[in-house]
Amino acid sequence: MPLDPASLKTKMSNTPVEKSVMDLIDLFHKYTKPDDKIDKQGLLKMLKENFPNFLKACDKRGKDFLAHIFEDEDKNKDKKIEFSEFLSVLGVIATDYHDHSHGAPLCSGGGQ
């Protein structure tokens, strides 16, 4: 039987990195359907609500990140994003932010 989210977070969040992982799980669950997957509408909503600066940078660069990210990261093509695919979406964004920390403009690489 799965632990309730609050109990799991208390039990597993001893370090800042563990807390960050639990926060990612909470973010995923905020947008999932009962099947523990995110549909396209939910993913786009999550990105717009949580990554507005990134999306604004993509718009300024003429890259329609939102138009392609769902299809690119729905690896099993079931029209839903499961947790591992969600992490892949975040990986694309995190890689871009990492490149930005080294001087590249935001939205200059990754899954665009």
PDB file of N, CA and C in Angstrom:
ATOM      1  N   MET A   1       0.847  -1.183   0.000  1.00  0.00           N
ATOM      2  CA  MET A   1       0.000   0.000   0.000  1.00  0.00           C
ATOM      3  C   MET A   1       0.891   1.245   0.000  1.00  0.00           C
ATOM      4  N   PRO A   2       0.663   2.175  -0.947  1.00  0.00           N
ATOM      5  CA  PRO A   2       1.510   3.365  -1.013  1.00  0.00           C
ATOM      6  C   PRO A   2       1.314   4.282   0.193  1.00  0.00           C
ATOM      7  N   LEU A   3       2.383   4.955   0.559  1.00  0.00           N
ATOM      8  CA  LEU A   3       2.306   5.943   1.638  1.00  0.00           C
ATOM      9  C   LEU A   3       1.571   7.178   1.150  1.00  0.00           C
ATOM     10  N   ASP A   4       0.902   7.866   2.052  1.00  0.00           N
ATOM     11  CA  ASP A   4       0.294   9.124   1.648  1.00  0.00           C
ATOM     12  C   ASP A   4       1.417  10.133   1.393  1.00  0.00           C
ATOM     13  N   PRO A   5       1.199  11.108   0.477  1.00  0.00           N
ATOM     14  CA  PRO A   5       2.271  12.030   0.084  1.00  0.00           C
ATOM     15  C   PRO A   5       2.912  12.788   1.237  1.00  0.00           C
ATOM     16  N   ALA A   6       2.132  13.229   2.204  1.00  0.00           N
ATOM     17  CA  ALA A   6       2.699  13.989   3.324  1.00  0.00           C
ATOM     18  C   ALA A   6       3.626  13.108   4.159  1.00  0.00           C
ATOM     19  N   SER A   7       3.209  11.881   4.397  1.00  0.00           N
ATOM     20  CA  SER A   7       4.031  10.952   5.170  1.00  0.00           C
ATOM     21  C   SER A   7       5.319  10.622   4.431  1.00  0.00           C
ATOM     22  N   LEU A   8       5.219  10.407   3.136  1.00  0.00           N
ATOM     23  CA  LEU A   8       6.391  10.102   2.324  1.00  0.00           C
ATOM     24  C   LEU A   8       7.360  11.276   2.320  1.00  0.00           C
ATOM     25  N   LYS A   9       6.833  12.481   2.171  1.00  0.00           N
ATOM     26  CA  LYS A   9       7.687  13.670   2.142  1.00  0.00           C
ATOM     27  C   LYS A   9       8.426  13.834   3.469  1.00  0.00           C
ATOM     28  N   THR A  10       7.745  13.630   4.574  1.00  0.00           N
ATOM     29  CA  THR A  10       8.378  13.743   5.887  1.00  0.00           C
ATOM     30  C   THR A  10       9.456  12.683   6.059  1.00  0.00           C
ATOM     31  N   LYS A  11       9.161  11.481   5.631  1.00  0.00           N
ATOM     32  CA  LYS A  11      10.081  10.360   5.797  1.00  0.00           C
ATOM     33  C   LYS A  11      11.305  10.477   4.885  1.00  0.00           C
ATOM     34  N   MET A  12      11.148  11.046   3.686  1.00  0.00           N
ATOM     35  CA  MET A  12      12.197  11.010   2.673  1.00  0.00           C
ATOM     36  C   MET A  12      12.941  12.330   2.472  1.00  0.00           C
ATOM     37  N   SER A  13      12.566  13.390   3.139  1.00  0.00           N
ATOM     38  CA  SER A  13      13.125  14.711   2.852  1.00  0.00           C
ATOM     39  C   SER A  13      14.136  15.170   3.891  1.00  0.00           C
ATOM     40  N   ASN A  14      15.232  14.465   4.014  1.00  0.00           N
ATOM     41  CA  ASN A  14      16.232  14.826   5.008  1.00  0.00           C
ATOM     42  C   ASN A  14      17.264  15.814   4.498  1.00  0.00           C
ATOM     43  N   THR A  15      17.486  15.865   3.211  1.00  0.00           N
ATOM     44  CA  THR A  15      18.470  16.779   2.641  1.00  0.00           C
ATOM     45  C   THR A  15      17.772  17.694   1.646  1.00  0.00           C
ATOM     46  N   PRO A  16      18.398  18.819   1.291  1.00  0.00           N
ATOM     47  CA  PRO A  16      17.786  19.708   0.291  1.00  0.00           C
ATOM     48  C   PRO A  16      17.519  19.010  -1.047  1.00  0.00           C
ATOM     49  N   VAL A  17      18.408  18.125  -1.458  1.00  0.00           N
ATOM     50  CA  VAL A  17      18.208  17.429  -2.735  1.00  0.00           C
ATOM     51  C   VAL A  17      17.043  16.446  -2.640  1.00  0.00           C
ATOM     52  N   GLU A  18      16.937  15.735  -1.514  1.00  0.00           N
ATOM     53  CA  GLU A  18      15.794  14.840  -1.330  1.00  0.00           C
ATOM     54  C   GLU A  18      14.495  15.636  -1.333  1.00  0.00           C
ATOM     55  N   LYS A  19      14.491  16.790  -0.705  1.00  0.00           N
ATOM     56  CA  LYS A  19      13.305  17.649  -0.722  1.00  0.00           C
ATOM     57  C   LYS A  19      12.983  18.075  -2.149  1.00  0.00           C
ATOM     58  N   SER A  20      14.006  18.406  -2.919  1.00  0.00           N
ATOM     59  CA  SER A  20      13.787  18.803  -4.313  1.00  0.00           C
ATOM     60  C   SER A  20      13.141  17.676  -5.117  1.00  0.00           C
ATOM     61  N   VAL A  21      13.595  16.449  -4.896  1.00  0.00           N
ATOM     62  CA  VAL A  21      13.006  15.302  -5.592  1.00  0.00           C
ATOM     63  C   VAL A  21      11.546  15.140  -5.182  1.00  0.00           C
ATOM     64  N   MET A  22      11.267  15.258  -3.898  1.00  0.00           N
ATOM     65  CA  MET A  22       9.883  15.147  -3.433  1.00  0.00           C
ATOM     66  C   MET A  22       9.024  16.269  -4.010  1.00  0.00           C
ATOM     67  N   ASP A  23       9.601  17.466  -4.141  1.00  0.00           N
ATOM     68  CA  ASP A  23       8.872  18.580  -4.752  1.00  0.00           C
ATOM     69  C   ASP A  23       8.536  18.285  -6.215  1.00  0.00           C
ATOM     70  N   LEU A  24       9.448  17.629  -6.938  1.00  0.00           N
ATOM     71  CA  LEU A  24       9.166  17.244  -8.325  1.00  0.00           C
ATOM     72  C   LEU A  24       8.028  16.226  -8.385  1.00  0.00           C
ATOM     73  N   ILE A  25       8.025  15.295  -7.450  1.00  0.00           N
ATOM     74  CA  ILE A  25       6.932  14.317  -7.392  1.00  0.00           C
ATOM     75  C   ILE A  25       5.614  15.028  -7.107  1.00  0.00           C
ATOM     76  N   ASP A  26       5.626  15.975  -6.168  1.00  0.00           N
ATOM     77  CA  ASP A  26       4.418  16.751  -5.869  1.00  0.00           C
ATOM     78  C   ASP A  26       3.950  17.530  -7.095  1.00  0.00           C
ATOM     79  N   LEU A  27       4.889  18.131  -7.827  1.00  0.00           N
ATOM     80  CA  LEU A  27       4.542  18.876  -9.040  1.00  0.00           C
ATOM     81  C   LEU A  27       3.875  17.943 -10.052  1.00  0.00           C
ATOM     82  N   PHE A  28       4.450  16.785 -10.267  1.00  0.00           N
ATOM     83  CA  PHE A  28       3.866  15.806 -11.185  1.00  0.00           C
ATOM     84  C   PHE A  28       2.441  15.455 -10.760  1.00  0.00           C
ATOM     85  N   HIS A  29       2.261  15.133  -9.487  1.00  0.00           N
ATOM     86  CA  HIS A  29       0.942  14.719  -9.000  1.00  0.00           C
ATOM     87  C   HIS A  29      -0.085  15.843  -9.056  1.00  0.00           C
ATOM     88  N   LYS A  30       0.349  17.072  -9.011  1.00  0.00           N
ATOM     89  CA  LYS A  30      -0.577  18.210  -9.104  1.00  0.00           C
ATOM     90  C   LYS A  30      -1.312  18.218 -10.446  1.00  0.00           C
ATOM     91  N   TYR A  31      -0.688  17.685 -11.483  1.00  0.00           N
ATOM     92  CA  TYR A  31      -1.252  17.757 -12.829  1.00  0.00           C
ATOM     93  C   TYR A  31      -1.693  16.402 -13.387  1.00  0.00           C
ATOM     94  N   THR A  32      -1.560  15.322 -12.618  1.00  0.00           N
ATOM     95  CA  THR A  32      -1.920  14.000 -13.136  1.00  0.00           C
ATOM     96  C   THR A  32      -3.415  13.747 -13.065  1.00  0.00           C
ATOM     97  N   LYS A  33      -3.818  12.819 -13.903  1.00  0.00           N
ATOM     98  CA  LYS A  33      -5.177  12.283 -13.893  1.00  0.00           C
ATOM     99  C   LYS A  33      -5.175  11.069 -12.950  1.00  0.00           C
ATOM    100  N   PRO A  34      -6.332  10.449 -12.731  1.00  0.00           N
ATOM    101  CA  PRO A  34      -6.373   9.286 -11.833  1.00  0.00           C
ATOM    102  C   PRO A  34      -5.443   8.133 -12.236  1.00  0.00           C
ATOM    103  N   ASP A  35      -5.058   8.072 -13.515  1.00  0.00           N
ATOM    104  CA  ASP A  35      -4.153   7.000 -13.949  1.00  0.00           C
ATOM    105  C   ASP A  35      -2.683   7.329 -13.690  1.00  0.00           C
ATOM    106  N   ASP A  36      -2.413   8.414 -12.947  1.00  0.00           N
ATOM    107  CA  ASP A  36      -1.061   8.847 -12.582  1.00  0.00           C
ATOM    108  C   ASP A  36      -0.239   9.234 -13.814  1.00  0.00           C
ATOM    109  N   LYS A  37      -0.921   9.830 -14.803  1.00  0.00           N
ATOM    110  CA  LYS A  37      -0.270  10.338 -16.007  1.00  0.00           C
ATOM    111  C   LYS A  37      -0.835  11.722 -16.295  1.00  0.00           C
ATOM    112  N   ILE A  38      -0.072  12.506 -17.058  1.00  0.00           N
ATOM    113  CA  ILE A  38      -0.492  13.861 -17.422  1.00  0.00           C
ATOM    114  C   ILE A  38      -0.886  13.860 -18.892  1.00  0.00           C
ATOM    115  N   ASP A  39      -2.063  14.414 -19.194  1.00  0.00           N
ATOM    116  CA  ASP A  39      -2.445  14.546 -20.598  1.00  0.00           C
ATOM    117  C   ASP A  39      -1.809  15.813 -21.175  1.00  0.00           C
ATOM    118  N   LYS A  40      -1.993  16.028 -22.465  1.00  0.00           N
ATOM    119  CA  LYS A  40      -1.345  17.158 -23.134  1.00  0.00           C
ATOM    120  C   LYS A  40      -1.762  18.489 -22.514  1.00  0.00           C
ATOM    121  N   GLN A  41      -3.049  18.651 -22.269  1.00  0.00           N
ATOM    122  CA  GLN A  41      -3.549  19.886 -21.666  1.00  0.00           C
ATOM    123  C   GLN A  41      -2.911  20.120 -20.299  1.00  0.00           C
ATOM    124  N   GLY A  42      -2.789  19.082 -19.493  1.00  0.00           N
ATOM    125  CA  GLY A  42      -2.178  19.202 -18.172  1.00  0.00           C
ATOM    126  C   GLY A  42      -0.705  19.561 -18.244  1.00  0.00           C
ATOM    127  N   LEU A  43       0.015  18.960 -19.209  1.00  0.00           N
ATOM    128  CA  LEU A  43       1.439  19.275 -19.358  1.00  0.00           C
ATOM    129  C   LEU A  43       1.628  20.730 -19.770  1.00  0.00           C
ATOM    130  N   LEU A  44       0.831  21.192 -20.726  1.00  0.00           N
ATOM    131  CA  LEU A  44       0.961  22.577 -21.174  1.00  0.00           C
ATOM    132  C   LEU A  44       0.634  23.544 -20.038  1.00  0.00           C
ATOM    133  N   LYS A  45      -0.384  23.210 -19.247  1.00  0.00           N
ATOM    134  CA  LYS A  45      -0.734  24.044 -18.093  1.00  0.00           C
ATOM    135  C   LYS A  45       0.416  24.077 -17.089  1.00  0.00           C
ATOM    136  N   MET A  46       1.003  22.916 -16.806  1.00  0.00           N
ATOM    137  CA  MET A  46       2.122  22.843 -15.860  1.00  0.00           C
ATOM    138  C   MET A  46       3.285  23.700 -16.340  1.00  0.00           C
ATOM    139  N   LEU A  47       3.620  23.602 -17.627  1.00  0.00           N
ATOM    140  CA  LEU A  47       4.738  24.378 -18.162  1.00  0.00           C
ATOM    141  C   LEU A  47       4.457  25.876 -18.094  1.00  0.00           C
ATOM    142  N   LYS A  48       3.248  26.280 -18.468  1.00  0.00           N
ATOM    143  CA  LYS A  48       2.899  27.706 -18.444  1.00  0.00           C
ATOM    144  C   LYS A  48       2.913  28.264 -17.022  1.00  0.00           C
ATOM    145  N   GLU A  49       2.458  27.484 -16.059  1.00  0.00           N
ATOM    146  CA  GLU A  49       2.391  27.953 -14.670  1.00  0.00           C
ATOM    147  C   GLU A  49       3.748  27.926 -13.968  1.00  0.00           C
ATOM    148  N   ASN A  50       4.630  27.035 -14.371  1.00  0.00           N
ATOM    149  CA  ASN A  50       5.874  26.838 -13.632  1.00  0.00           C
ATOM    150  C   ASN A  50       7.134  27.290 -14.350  1.00  0.00           C
ATOM    151  N   PHE A  51       7.050  27.535 -15.644  1.00  0.00           N
ATOM    152  CA  PHE A  51       8.228  27.940 -16.415  1.00  0.00           C
ATOM    153  C   PHE A  51       7.926  29.129 -17.325  1.00  0.00           C
ATOM    154  N   PRO A  52       7.275  30.178 -16.805  1.00  0.00           N
ATOM    155  CA  PRO A  52       6.904  31.304 -17.676  1.00  0.00           C
ATOM    156  C   PRO A  52       8.108  32.029 -18.268  1.00  0.00           C
ATOM    157  N   ASN A  53       9.188  32.174 -17.524  1.00  0.00           N
ATOM    158  CA  ASN A  53      10.369  32.874 -18.052  1.00  0.00           C
ATOM    159  C   ASN A  53      11.024  32.083 -19.176  1.00  0.00           C
ATOM    160  N   PHE A  54      11.093  30.791 -19.022  1.00  0.00           N
ATOM    161  CA  PHE A  54      11.644  29.934 -20.067  1.00  0.00           C
ATOM    162  C   PHE A  54      10.793  30.038 -21.332  1.00  0.00           C
ATOM    163  N   LEU A  55       9.472  29.941 -21.184  1.00  0.00           N
ATOM    164  CA  LEU A  55       8.588  29.995 -22.347  1.00  0.00           C
ATOM    165  C   LEU A  55       8.624  31.363 -23.014  1.00  0.00           C
ATOM    166  N   LYS A  56       8.748  32.413 -22.211  1.00  0.00           N
ATOM    167  CA  LYS A  56       8.864  33.760 -22.775  1.00  0.00           C
ATOM    168  C   LYS A  56      10.138  33.870 -23.612  1.00  0.00           C
ATOM    169  N   ALA A  57      11.232  33.309 -23.116  1.00  0.00           N
ATOM    170  CA  ALA A  57      12.493  33.323 -23.868  1.00  0.00           C
ATOM    171  C   ALA A  57      12.345  32.548 -25.175  1.00  0.00           C
ATOM    172  N   CYS A  58      11.633  31.432 -25.149  1.00  0.00           N
ATOM    173  CA  CYS A  58      11.406  30.657 -26.379  1.00  0.00           C
ATOM    174  C   CYS A  58      10.598  31.475 -27.381  1.00  0.00           C
ATOM    175  N   ASP A  59       9.560  32.152 -26.894  1.00  0.00           N
ATOM    176  CA  ASP A  59       8.744  32.986 -27.778  1.00  0.00           C
ATOM    177  C   ASP A  59       9.583  34.082 -28.422  1.00  0.00           C
ATOM    178  N   LYS A  60      10.444  34.725 -27.627  1.00  0.00           N
ATOM    179  CA  LYS A  60      11.299  35.795 -28.154  1.00  0.00           C
ATOM    180  C   LYS A  60      12.254  35.272 -29.220  1.00  0.00           C
ATOM    181  N   ARG A  61      12.663  34.026 -29.090  1.00  0.00           N
ATOM    182  CA  ARG A  61      13.599  33.431 -30.050  1.00  0.00           C
ATOM    183  C   ARG A  61      12.865  32.791 -31.230  1.00  0.00           C
ATOM    184  N   GLY A  62      11.531  32.900 -31.240  1.00  0.00           N
ATOM    185  CA  GLY A  62      10.752  32.340 -32.335  1.00  0.00           C
ATOM    186  C   GLY A  62      10.652  30.823 -32.312  1.00  0.00           C
ATOM    187  N   LYS A  63      10.838  30.235 -31.138  1.00  0.00           N
ATOM    188  CA  LYS A  63      10.770  28.776 -31.007  1.00  0.00           C
ATOM    189  C   LYS A  63       9.501  28.409 -30.255  1.00  0.00           C
ATOM    190  N   ASP A  64       8.644  27.656 -30.890  1.00  0.00           N
ATOM    191  CA  ASP A  64       7.394  27.250 -30.254  1.00  0.00           C
ATOM    192  C   ASP A  64       7.612  25.952 -29.479  1.00  0.00           C
ATOM    193  N   PHE A  65       8.217  26.101 -28.316  1.00  0.00           N
ATOM    194  CA  PHE A  65       8.551  24.963 -27.453  1.00  0.00           C
ATOM    195  C   PHE A  65       7.320  24.118 -27.151  1.00  0.00           C
ATOM    196  N   LEU A  66       6.201  24.788 -26.842  1.00  0.00           N
ATOM    197  CA  LEU A  66       5.000  24.068 -26.440  1.00  0.00           C
ATOM    198  C   LEU A  66       4.409  23.233 -27.570  1.00  0.00           C
ATOM    199  N   ALA A  67       4.631  23.647 -28.815  1.00  0.00           N
ATOM    200  CA  ALA A  67       4.044  22.930 -29.947  1.00  0.00           C
ATOM    201  C   ALA A  67       4.629  21.534 -30.115  1.00  0.00           C
ATOM    202  N   HIS A  68       5.848  21.322 -29.637  1.00  0.00           N
ATOM    203  CA  HIS A  68       6.527  20.061 -29.912  1.00  0.00           C
ATOM    204  C   HIS A  68       6.881  19.221 -28.688  1.00  0.00           C
ATOM    205  N   ILE A  69       6.925  19.808 -27.520  1.00  0.00           N
ATOM    206  CA  ILE A  69       7.450  19.089 -26.359  1.00  0.00           C
ATOM    207  C   ILE A  69       6.637  17.840 -26.020  1.00  0.00           C
ATOM    208  N   PHE A  70       5.309  17.914 -26.107  1.00  0.00           N
ATOM    209  CA  PHE A  70       4.494  16.753 -25.735  1.00  0.00           C
ATOM    210  C   PHE A  70       4.784  15.575 -26.662  1.00  0.00           C
ATOM    211  N   GLU A  71       4.742  15.819 -27.969  1.00  0.00           N
ATOM    212  CA  GLU A  71       4.983  14.746 -28.929  1.00  0.00           C
ATOM    213  C   GLU A  71       6.414  14.221 -28.823  1.00  0.00           C
ATOM    214  N   ASP A  72       7.373  15.117 -28.602  1.00  0.00           N
ATOM    215  CA  ASP A  72       8.771  14.699 -28.491  1.00  0.00           C
ATOM    216  C   ASP A  72       9.013  13.817 -27.270  1.00  0.00           C
ATOM    217  N   GLU A  73       8.355  14.105 -26.166  1.00  0.00           N
ATOM    218  CA  GLU A  73       8.647  13.403 -24.911  1.00  0.00           C
ATOM    219  C   GLU A  73       7.671  12.281 -24.576  1.00  0.00           C
ATOM    220  N   ASP A  74       6.582  12.152 -25.318  1.00  0.00           N
ATOM    221  CA  ASP A  74       5.660  11.025 -25.132  1.00  0.00           C
ATOM    222  C   ASP A  74       6.266   9.815 -25.842  1.00  0.00           C
ATOM    223  N   LYS A  75       7.268   9.234 -25.210  1.00  0.00           N
ATOM    224  CA  LYS A  75       8.095   8.192 -25.833  1.00  0.00           C
ATOM    225  C   LYS A  75       7.303   6.962 -26.263  1.00  0.00           C
ATOM    226  N   ASN A  76       6.318   6.561 -25.478  1.00  0.00           N
ATOM    227  CA  ASN A  76       5.548   5.370 -25.840  1.00  0.00           C
ATOM    228  C   ASN A  76       4.299   5.705 -26.655  1.00  0.00           C
ATOM    229  N   LYS A  77       4.127   6.970 -26.997  1.00  0.00           N
ATOM    230  CA  LYS A  77       3.058   7.455 -27.885  1.00  0.00           C
ATOM    231  C   LYS A  77       1.659   7.054 -27.422  1.00  0.00           C
ATOM    232  N   ASP A  78       1.440   7.099 -26.093  1.00  0.00           N
ATOM    233  CA  ASP A  78       0.116   6.775 -25.563  1.00  0.00           C
ATOM    234  C   ASP A  78      -0.720   8.023 -25.301  1.00  0.00           C
ATOM    235  N   LYS A  79      -0.231   9.171 -25.754  1.00  0.00           N
ATOM    236  CA  LYS A  79      -0.927  10.465 -25.603  1.00  0.00           C
ATOM    237  C   LYS A  79      -1.007  10.910 -24.149  1.00  0.00           C
ATOM    238  N   LYS A  80      -0.107  10.370 -23.321  1.00  0.00           N
ATOM    239  CA  LYS A  80      -0.028  10.748 -21.911  1.00  0.00           C
ATOM    240  C   LYS A  80       1.435  10.772 -21.507  1.00  0.00           C
ATOM    241  N   ILE A  81       1.729  11.564 -20.485  1.00  0.00           N
ATOM    242  CA  ILE A  81       3.091  11.668 -19.969  1.00  0.00           C
ATOM    243  C   ILE A  81       3.150  10.962 -18.619  1.00  0.00           C
ATOM    244  N   GLU A  82       3.919   9.883 -18.561  1.00  0.00           N
ATOM    245  CA  GLU A  82       4.128   9.193 -17.289  1.00  0.00           C
ATOM    246  C   GLU A  82       5.319   9.844 -16.585  1.00  0.00           C
ATOM    247  N   PHE A  83       5.614   9.400 -15.377  1.00  0.00           N
ATOM    248  CA  PHE A  83       6.617  10.088 -14.566  1.00  0.00           C
ATOM    249  C   PHE A  83       7.988  10.132 -15.233  1.00  0.00           C
ATOM    250  N   SER A  84       8.442   9.039 -15.831  1.00  0.00           N
ATOM    251  CA  SER A  84       9.770   9.057 -16.469  1.00  0.00           C
ATOM    252  C   SER A  84       9.801  10.023 -17.650  1.00  0.00           C
ATOM    253  N   GLU A  85       8.700  10.139 -18.380  1.00  0.00           N
ATOM    254  CA  GLU A  85       8.625  11.089 -19.495  1.00  0.00           C
ATOM    255  C   GLU A  85       8.587  12.523 -18.968  1.00  0.00           C
ATOM    256  N   PHE A  86       7.901  12.713 -17.849  1.00  0.00           N
ATOM    257  CA  PHE A  86       7.867  14.019 -17.185  1.00  0.00           C
ATOM    258  C   PHE A  86       9.279  14.458 -16.807  1.00  0.00           C
ATOM    259  N   LEU A  87      10.056  13.524 -16.261  1.00  0.00           N
ATOM    260  CA  LEU A  87      11.442  13.848 -15.913  1.00  0.00           C
ATOM    261  C   LEU A  87      12.255  14.195 -17.154  1.00  0.00           C
ATOM    262  N   SER A  88      11.939  13.580 -18.263  1.00  0.00           N
ATOM    263  CA  SER A  88      12.615  13.897 -19.517  1.00  0.00           C
ATOM    264  C   SER A  88      12.286  15.325 -19.966  1.00  0.00           C
ATOM    265  N   VAL A  89      11.025  15.733 -19.823  1.00  0.00           N
ATOM    266  CA  VAL A  89      10.630  17.118 -20.128  1.00  0.00           C
ATOM    267  C   VAL A  89      11.430  18.077 -19.256  1.00  0.00           C
ATOM    268  N   LEU A  90      11.476  17.790 -17.959  1.00  0.00           N
ATOM    269  CA  LEU A  90      12.238  18.648 -17.049  1.00  0.00           C
ATOM    270  C   LEU A  90      13.719  18.624 -17.383  1.00  0.00           C
ATOM    271  N   GLY A  91      14.218  17.491 -17.855  1.00  0.00           N
ATOM    272  CA  GLY A  91      15.616  17.392 -18.259  1.00  0.00           C
ATOM    273  C   GLY A  91      15.945  18.315 -19.415  1.00  0.00           C
ATOM    274  N   VAL A  92      15.043  18.422 -20.374  1.00  0.00           N
ATOM    275  CA  VAL A  92      15.234  19.344 -21.504  1.00  0.00           C
ATOM    276  C   VAL A  92      15.345  20.773 -20.982  1.00  0.00           C
ATOM    277  N   ILE A  93      14.440  21.139 -20.082  1.00  0.00           N
ATOM    278  CA  ILE A  93      14.438  22.500 -19.538  1.00  0.00           C
ATOM    279  C   ILE A  93      15.658  22.726 -18.654  1.00  0.00           C
ATOM    280  N   ALA A  94      15.977  21.761 -17.797  1.00  0.00           N
ATOM    281  CA  ALA A  94      17.143  21.904 -16.912  1.00  0.00           C
ATOM    282  C   ALA A  94      18.435  22.012 -17.712  1.00  0.00           C
ATOM    283  N   THR A  95      18.555  21.251 -18.788  1.00  0.00           N
ATOM    284  CA  THR A  95      19.745  21.337 -19.640  1.00  0.00           C
ATOM    285  C   THR A  95      19.866  22.726 -20.244  1.00  0.00           C
ATOM    286  N   ASP A  96      18.739  23.273 -20.667  1.00  0.00           N
ATOM    287  CA  ASP A  96      18.769  24.618 -21.227  1.00  0.00           C
ATOM    288  C   ASP A  96      19.183  25.644 -20.167  1.00  0.00           C
ATOM    289  N   TYR A  97      18.651  25.518 -18.955  1.00  0.00           N
ATOM    290  CA  TYR A  97      19.057  26.427 -17.873  1.00  0.00           C
ATOM    291  C   TYR A  97      20.542  26.250 -17.538  1.00  0.00           C
ATOM    292  N   HIS A  98      21.045  25.026 -17.590  1.00  0.00           N
ATOM    293  CA  HIS A  98      22.469  24.792 -17.353  1.00  0.00           C
ATOM    294  C   HIS A  98      23.298  25.495 -18.420  1.00  0.00           C
ATOM    295  N   ASP A  99      22.903  25.344 -19.679  1.00  0.00           N
ATOM    296  CA  ASP A  99      23.618  26.027 -20.763  1.00  0.00           C
ATOM    297  C   ASP A  99      23.567  27.544 -20.569  1.00  0.00           C
ATOM    298  N   HIS A 100      22.418  28.028 -20.097  1.00  0.00           N
ATOM    299  CA  HIS A 100      22.259  29.461 -19.824  1.00  0.00           C
ATOM    300  C   HIS A 100      23.236  29.912 -18.732  1.00  0.00           C
ATOM    301  N   SER A 101      23.489  29.042 -17.754  1.00  0.00           N
ATOM    302  CA  SER A 101      24.431  29.395 -16.682  1.00  0.00           C
ATOM    303  C   SER A 101      25.857  29.539 -17.211  1.00  0.00           C
ATOM    304  N   HIS A 102      26.096  29.022 -18.414  1.00  0.00           N
ATOM    305  CA  HIS A 102      27.408  29.134 -19.057  1.00  0.00           C
ATOM    306  C   HIS A 102      27.396  30.157 -20.191  1.00  0.00           C
ATOM    307  N   GLY A 103      26.357  31.005 -20.235  1.00  0.00           N
ATOM    308  CA  GLY A 103      26.339  32.101 -21.186  1.00  0.00           C
ATOM    309  C   GLY A 103      25.426  31.952 -22.384  1.00  0.00           C
ATOM    310  N   ALA A 104      24.864  30.783 -22.614  1.00  0.00           N
ATOM    311  CA  ALA A 104      23.950  30.614 -23.747  1.00  0.00           C
ATOM    312  C   ALA A 104      22.626  31.301 -23.439  1.00  0.00           C
ATOM    313  N   PRO A 105      21.956  31.824 -24.461  1.00  0.00           N
ATOM    314  CA  PRO A 105      20.628  32.398 -24.207  1.00  0.00           C
ATOM    315  C   PRO A 105      19.643  31.295 -23.811  1.00  0.00           C
ATOM    316  N   LEU A 106      18.642  31.661 -23.018  1.00  0.00           N
ATOM    317  CA  LEU A 106      17.594  30.695 -22.679  1.00  0.00           C
ATOM    318  C   LEU A 106      16.910  30.227 -23.958  1.00  0.00           C
ATOM    319  N   CYS A 107      16.474  28.988 -23.947  1.00  0.00           N
ATOM    320  CA  CYS A 107      15.759  28.369 -25.064  1.00  0.00           C
ATOM    321  C   CYS A 107      16.629  28.316 -26.318  1.00  0.00           C
ATOM    322  N   SER A 108      17.879  27.929 -26.135  1.00  0.00           N
ATOM    323  CA  SER A 108      18.781  27.870 -27.288  1.00  0.00           C
ATOM    324  C   SER A 108      19.108  26.449 -27.720  1.00  0.00           C
ATOM    325  N   GLY A 109      18.612  25.467 -26.989  1.00  0.00           N
ATOM    326  CA  GLY A 109      18.940  24.084 -27.340  1.00  0.00           C
ATOM    327  C   GLY A 109      17.902  23.130 -26.839  1.00  0.00           C
ATOM    328  N   GLY A 110      18.331  21.950 -26.460  1.00  0.00           N
ATOM    329  CA  GLY A 110      17.424  20.937 -25.917  1.00  0.00           C
ATOM    330  C   GLY A 110      16.442  20.435 -26.948  1.00  0.00           C
ATOM    331  N   GLY A 111      15.171  20.347 -26.575  1.00  0.00           N
ATOM    332  CA  GLY A 111      14.152  19.738 -27.423  1.00  0.00           C
ATOM    333  C   GLY A 111      13.459  20.684 -28.370  1.00  0.00           C
ATOM    334  N   GLN A 112      14.062  21.798 -28.685  1.00  0.00           N
ATOM    335  CA  GLN A 112      13.417  22.739 -29.585  1.00  0.00           C
ATOM    336  C   GLN A 112      13.640  22.372 -31.027  1.00  0.00           C
TER     337      GLN A 112
END
